Amino acid sequence: MTLSELIAARLREVRNYHGFTLKDMSERTGIVASSIGKYERGELRITVEYLEAFCRVTNHPVEALFRDATELTKPRRG
């Protein structure tokens, strides 16, 4: 699995973990819902700014997207 594929899969896992639809995530991040879907399918590469917005909304550190999936269920404290 490439790094891009890993990040794409993790984005969807985190969004689903929080119960957010594409529309929910779009409203919370300002990212167009169709683009979020493309990021999650690996059709587009996510920018750093959007990655940060995604992680801010889900309260997960960016680095958690690069680690084992079990880390995704551990949101940051504070």
N, C-alpha and C. Protein backbone atom coordinates (compact mmCIF):
# COMPACT_ATOMS: atom_id res chain seq x y z
N MET A 1 0.85 -1.17 0.00
CA MET A 1 0.00 0.00 0.00
C MET A 1 0.90 1.24 0.00
N THR A 2 0.58 2.18 -0.88
CA THR A 2 1.35 3.41 -0.93
C THR A 2 0.91 4.35 0.18
N LEU A 3 1.70 5.36 0.43
CA LEU A 3 1.36 6.34 1.46
C LEU A 3 0.05 7.05 1.09
N SER A 4 -0.13 7.39 -0.16
CA SER A 4 -1.37 8.04 -0.61
C SER A 4 -2.58 7.15 -0.36
N GLU A 5 -2.44 5.87 -0.62
CA GLU A 5 -3.54 4.92 -0.38
C GLU A 5 -3.83 4.79 1.11
N LEU A 6 -2.78 4.76 1.91
CA LEU A 6 -2.94 4.68 3.36
C LEU A 6 -3.70 5.88 3.89
N ILE A 7 -3.30 7.07 3.48
CA ILE A 7 -3.96 8.29 3.95
C ILE A 7 -5.41 8.31 3.48
N ALA A 8 -5.65 7.94 2.24
CA ALA A 8 -7.02 7.91 1.71
C ALA A 8 -7.91 6.99 2.55
N ALA A 9 -7.40 5.81 2.85
CA ALA A 9 -8.17 4.85 3.65
C ALA A 9 -8.41 5.39 5.06
N ARG A 10 -7.41 6.02 5.63
CA ARG A 10 -7.53 6.54 6.99
C ARG A 10 -8.53 7.69 7.07
N LEU A 11 -8.56 8.53 6.04
CA LEU A 11 -9.51 9.64 6.03
C LEU A 11 -10.93 9.12 6.16
N ARG A 12 -11.25 8.11 5.38
CA ARG A 12 -12.60 7.54 5.42
C ARG A 12 -12.86 6.88 6.78
N GLU A 13 -11.87 6.14 7.30
CA GLU A 13 -12.04 5.47 8.59
C GLU A 13 -12.33 6.48 9.70
N VAL A 14 -11.58 7.57 9.71
CA VAL A 14 -11.77 8.58 10.75
C VAL A 14 -13.14 9.24 10.60
N ARG A 15 -13.51 9.59 9.39
CA ARG A 15 -14.81 10.23 9.16
C ARG A 15 -15.94 9.30 9.60
N ASN A 16 -15.85 8.05 9.20
CA ASN A 16 -16.89 7.08 9.58
C ASN A 16 -16.91 6.83 11.08
N TYR A 17 -15.75 6.78 11.70
CA TYR A 17 -15.66 6.59 13.15
C TYR A 17 -16.46 7.65 13.88
N HIS A 18 -16.41 8.87 13.39
CA HIS A 18 -17.12 9.98 14.02
C HIS A 18 -18.57 10.08 13.56
N GLY A 19 -18.96 9.24 12.62
CA GLY A 19 -20.34 9.24 12.14
C GLY A 19 -20.67 10.40 11.22
N PHE A 20 -19.64 11.02 10.63
CA PHE A 20 -19.87 12.15 9.73
C PHE A 20 -20.14 11.66 8.32
N THR A 21 -21.14 12.25 7.68
CA THR A 21 -21.36 12.01 6.26
C THR A 21 -20.40 12.91 5.48
N LEU A 22 -20.34 12.71 4.18
CA LEU A 22 -19.52 13.61 3.36
C LEU A 22 -20.03 15.05 3.51
N LYS A 23 -21.34 15.21 3.55
CA LYS A 23 -21.93 16.54 3.70
C LYS A 23 -21.54 17.16 5.04
N ASP A 24 -21.62 16.36 6.13
CA ASP A 24 -21.23 16.85 7.45
C ASP A 24 -19.79 17.35 7.42
N MET A 25 -18.92 16.53 6.87
CA MET A 25 -17.49 16.87 6.85
C MET A 25 -17.26 18.11 5.99
N SER A 26 -17.99 18.21 4.90
CA SER A 26 -17.87 19.37 4.03
C SER A 26 -18.25 20.65 4.77
N GLU A 27 -19.36 20.60 5.49
CA GLU A 27 -19.82 21.77 6.24
C GLU A 27 -18.84 22.16 7.35
N ARG A 28 -18.21 21.19 7.95
CA ARG A 28 -17.31 21.45 9.07
C ARG A 28 -15.92 21.90 8.63
N THR A 29 -15.49 21.46 7.44
CA THR A 29 -14.14 21.78 6.98
C THR A 29 -14.09 22.85 5.91
N GLY A 30 -15.21 23.04 5.21
CA GLY A 30 -15.20 23.97 4.08
C GLY A 30 -14.67 23.33 2.80
N ILE A 31 -14.47 22.02 2.84
CA ILE A 31 -14.00 21.28 1.67
C ILE A 31 -15.24 20.73 0.95
N VAL A 32 -15.29 20.89 -0.36
CA VAL A 32 -16.43 20.41 -1.14
C VAL A 32 -16.58 18.90 -0.94
N ALA A 33 -17.82 18.45 -0.71
CA ALA A 33 -18.08 17.03 -0.41
C ALA A 33 -17.55 16.10 -1.50
N SER A 34 -17.70 16.48 -2.76
CA SER A 34 -17.21 15.60 -3.84
C SER A 34 -15.70 15.46 -3.79
N SER A 35 -15.01 16.52 -3.36
CA SER A 35 -13.55 16.44 -3.23
C SER A 35 -13.16 15.52 -2.08
N ILE A 36 -13.91 15.58 -0.98
CA ILE A 36 -13.62 14.70 0.15
C ILE A 36 -13.74 13.24 -0.31
N GLY A 37 -14.80 12.94 -1.05
CA GLY A 37 -14.97 11.59 -1.58
C GLY A 37 -13.81 11.18 -2.46
N LYS A 38 -13.32 12.09 -3.27
CA LYS A 38 -12.18 11.79 -4.15
C LYS A 38 -10.91 11.59 -3.34
N TYR A 39 -10.73 12.38 -2.27
CA TYR A 39 -9.57 12.17 -1.40
C TYR A 39 -9.63 10.78 -0.79
N GLU A 40 -10.80 10.38 -0.33
CA GLU A 40 -10.96 9.09 0.33
C GLU A 40 -10.79 7.92 -0.63
N ARG A 41 -11.09 8.11 -1.89
CA ARG A 41 -10.91 7.05 -2.89
C ARG A 41 -9.53 7.09 -3.53
N GLY A 42 -8.74 8.09 -3.15
CA GLY A 42 -7.39 8.21 -3.71
C GLY A 42 -7.37 8.79 -5.11
N GLU A 43 -8.47 9.41 -5.52
CA GLU A 43 -8.54 10.02 -6.85
C GLU A 43 -7.91 11.40 -6.89
N LEU A 44 -7.83 12.04 -5.75
CA LEU A 44 -7.16 13.33 -5.57
C LEU A 44 -6.22 13.21 -4.39
N ARG A 45 -5.14 13.93 -4.44
CA ARG A 45 -4.23 13.98 -3.29
C ARG A 45 -4.59 15.18 -2.44
N ILE A 46 -4.78 14.94 -1.18
CA ILE A 46 -5.21 15.99 -0.27
C ILE A 46 -4.08 16.96 0.01
N THR A 47 -4.41 18.25 0.12
CA THR A 47 -3.39 19.25 0.44
C THR A 47 -3.17 19.26 1.95
N VAL A 48 -2.06 19.83 2.34
CA VAL A 48 -1.74 19.93 3.76
C VAL A 48 -2.80 20.75 4.49
N GLU A 49 -3.26 21.84 3.87
CA GLU A 49 -4.26 22.68 4.51
C GLU A 49 -5.56 21.92 4.75
N TYR A 50 -5.99 21.13 3.78
CA TYR A 50 -7.22 20.35 3.95
C TYR A 50 -7.02 19.21 4.94
N LEU A 51 -5.84 18.63 4.93
CA LEU A 51 -5.53 17.57 5.88
C LEU A 51 -5.61 18.13 7.31
N GLU A 52 -5.06 19.31 7.50
CA GLU A 52 -5.13 19.95 8.82
C GLU A 52 -6.57 20.26 9.22
N ALA A 53 -7.38 20.73 8.28
CA ALA A 53 -8.79 21.03 8.57
C ALA A 53 -9.53 19.75 8.96
N PHE A 54 -9.27 18.68 8.24
CA PHE A 54 -9.89 17.39 8.51
C PHE A 54 -9.54 16.92 9.92
N CYS A 55 -8.27 17.03 10.26
CA CYS A 55 -7.82 16.57 11.58
C CYS A 55 -8.31 17.48 12.69
N ARG A 56 -8.43 18.76 12.43
CA ARG A 56 -8.97 19.69 13.43
C ARG A 56 -10.42 19.33 13.76
N VAL A 57 -11.21 19.06 12.74
CA VAL A 57 -12.63 18.72 12.92
C VAL A 57 -12.80 17.41 13.67
N THR A 58 -11.95 16.43 13.38
CA THR A 58 -12.08 15.11 14.00
C THR A 58 -11.27 14.99 15.28
N ASN A 59 -10.48 16.03 15.59
CA ASN A 59 -9.65 16.05 16.79
C ASN A 59 -8.63 14.92 16.81
N HIS A 60 -8.11 14.59 15.65
CA HIS A 60 -7.04 13.60 15.52
C HIS A 60 -5.79 14.29 15.03
N PRO A 61 -4.63 13.97 15.58
CA PRO A 61 -3.39 14.55 15.08
C PRO A 61 -3.10 14.05 13.67
N VAL A 62 -2.52 14.89 12.85
CA VAL A 62 -2.20 14.52 11.47
C VAL A 62 -1.38 13.23 11.43
N GLU A 63 -0.44 13.12 12.34
CA GLU A 63 0.44 11.94 12.31
C GLU A 63 -0.31 10.63 12.54
N ALA A 64 -1.49 10.68 13.15
CA ALA A 64 -2.28 9.46 13.37
C ALA A 64 -2.73 8.85 12.05
N LEU A 65 -2.83 9.66 11.00
CA LEU A 65 -3.24 9.13 9.70
C LEU A 65 -2.14 8.28 9.06
N PHE A 66 -0.94 8.37 9.58
CA PHE A 66 0.19 7.62 9.04
C PHE A 66 0.50 6.36 9.84
N ARG A 67 -0.25 6.15 10.92
CA ARG A 67 0.03 5.02 11.80
C ARG A 67 -1.03 3.94 11.67
N ASP A 68 -0.86 2.93 12.47
CA ASP A 68 -1.79 1.81 12.55
C ASP A 68 -3.21 2.30 12.79
N ALA A 69 -4.17 1.63 12.23
CA ALA A 69 -5.57 2.04 12.33
C ALA A 69 -6.06 2.12 13.78
N THR A 70 -5.46 1.39 14.70
CA THR A 70 -5.91 1.45 16.09
C THR A 70 -5.68 2.83 16.68
N GLU A 71 -4.74 3.57 16.15
CA GLU A 71 -4.48 4.92 16.64
C GLU A 71 -5.62 5.87 16.31
N LEU A 72 -6.41 5.55 15.32
CA LEU A 72 -7.47 6.45 14.89
C LEU A 72 -8.59 6.55 15.90
N THR A 73 -8.71 5.58 16.75
CA THR A 73 -9.79 5.60 17.73
C THR A 73 -9.38 6.31 19.01
N LYS A 74 -8.21 6.94 18.99
CA LYS A 74 -7.70 7.64 20.15
C LYS A 74 -7.57 9.12 19.86
N PRO A 75 -8.66 9.89 19.93
CA PRO A 75 -8.55 11.32 19.67
C PRO A 75 -7.69 12.02 20.70
N ARG A 76 -7.15 13.16 20.31
CA ARG A 76 -6.33 13.96 21.22
C ARG A 76 -7.15 14.45 22.39
N ARG A 77 -6.51 14.65 23.47
CA ARG A 77 -7.13 15.23 24.66
C ARG A 77 -6.86 16.72 24.66
N GLY A 78 -7.80 17.49 25.21
CA GLY A 78 -7.57 18.90 25.41
C GLY A 78 -8.01 19.71 24.29
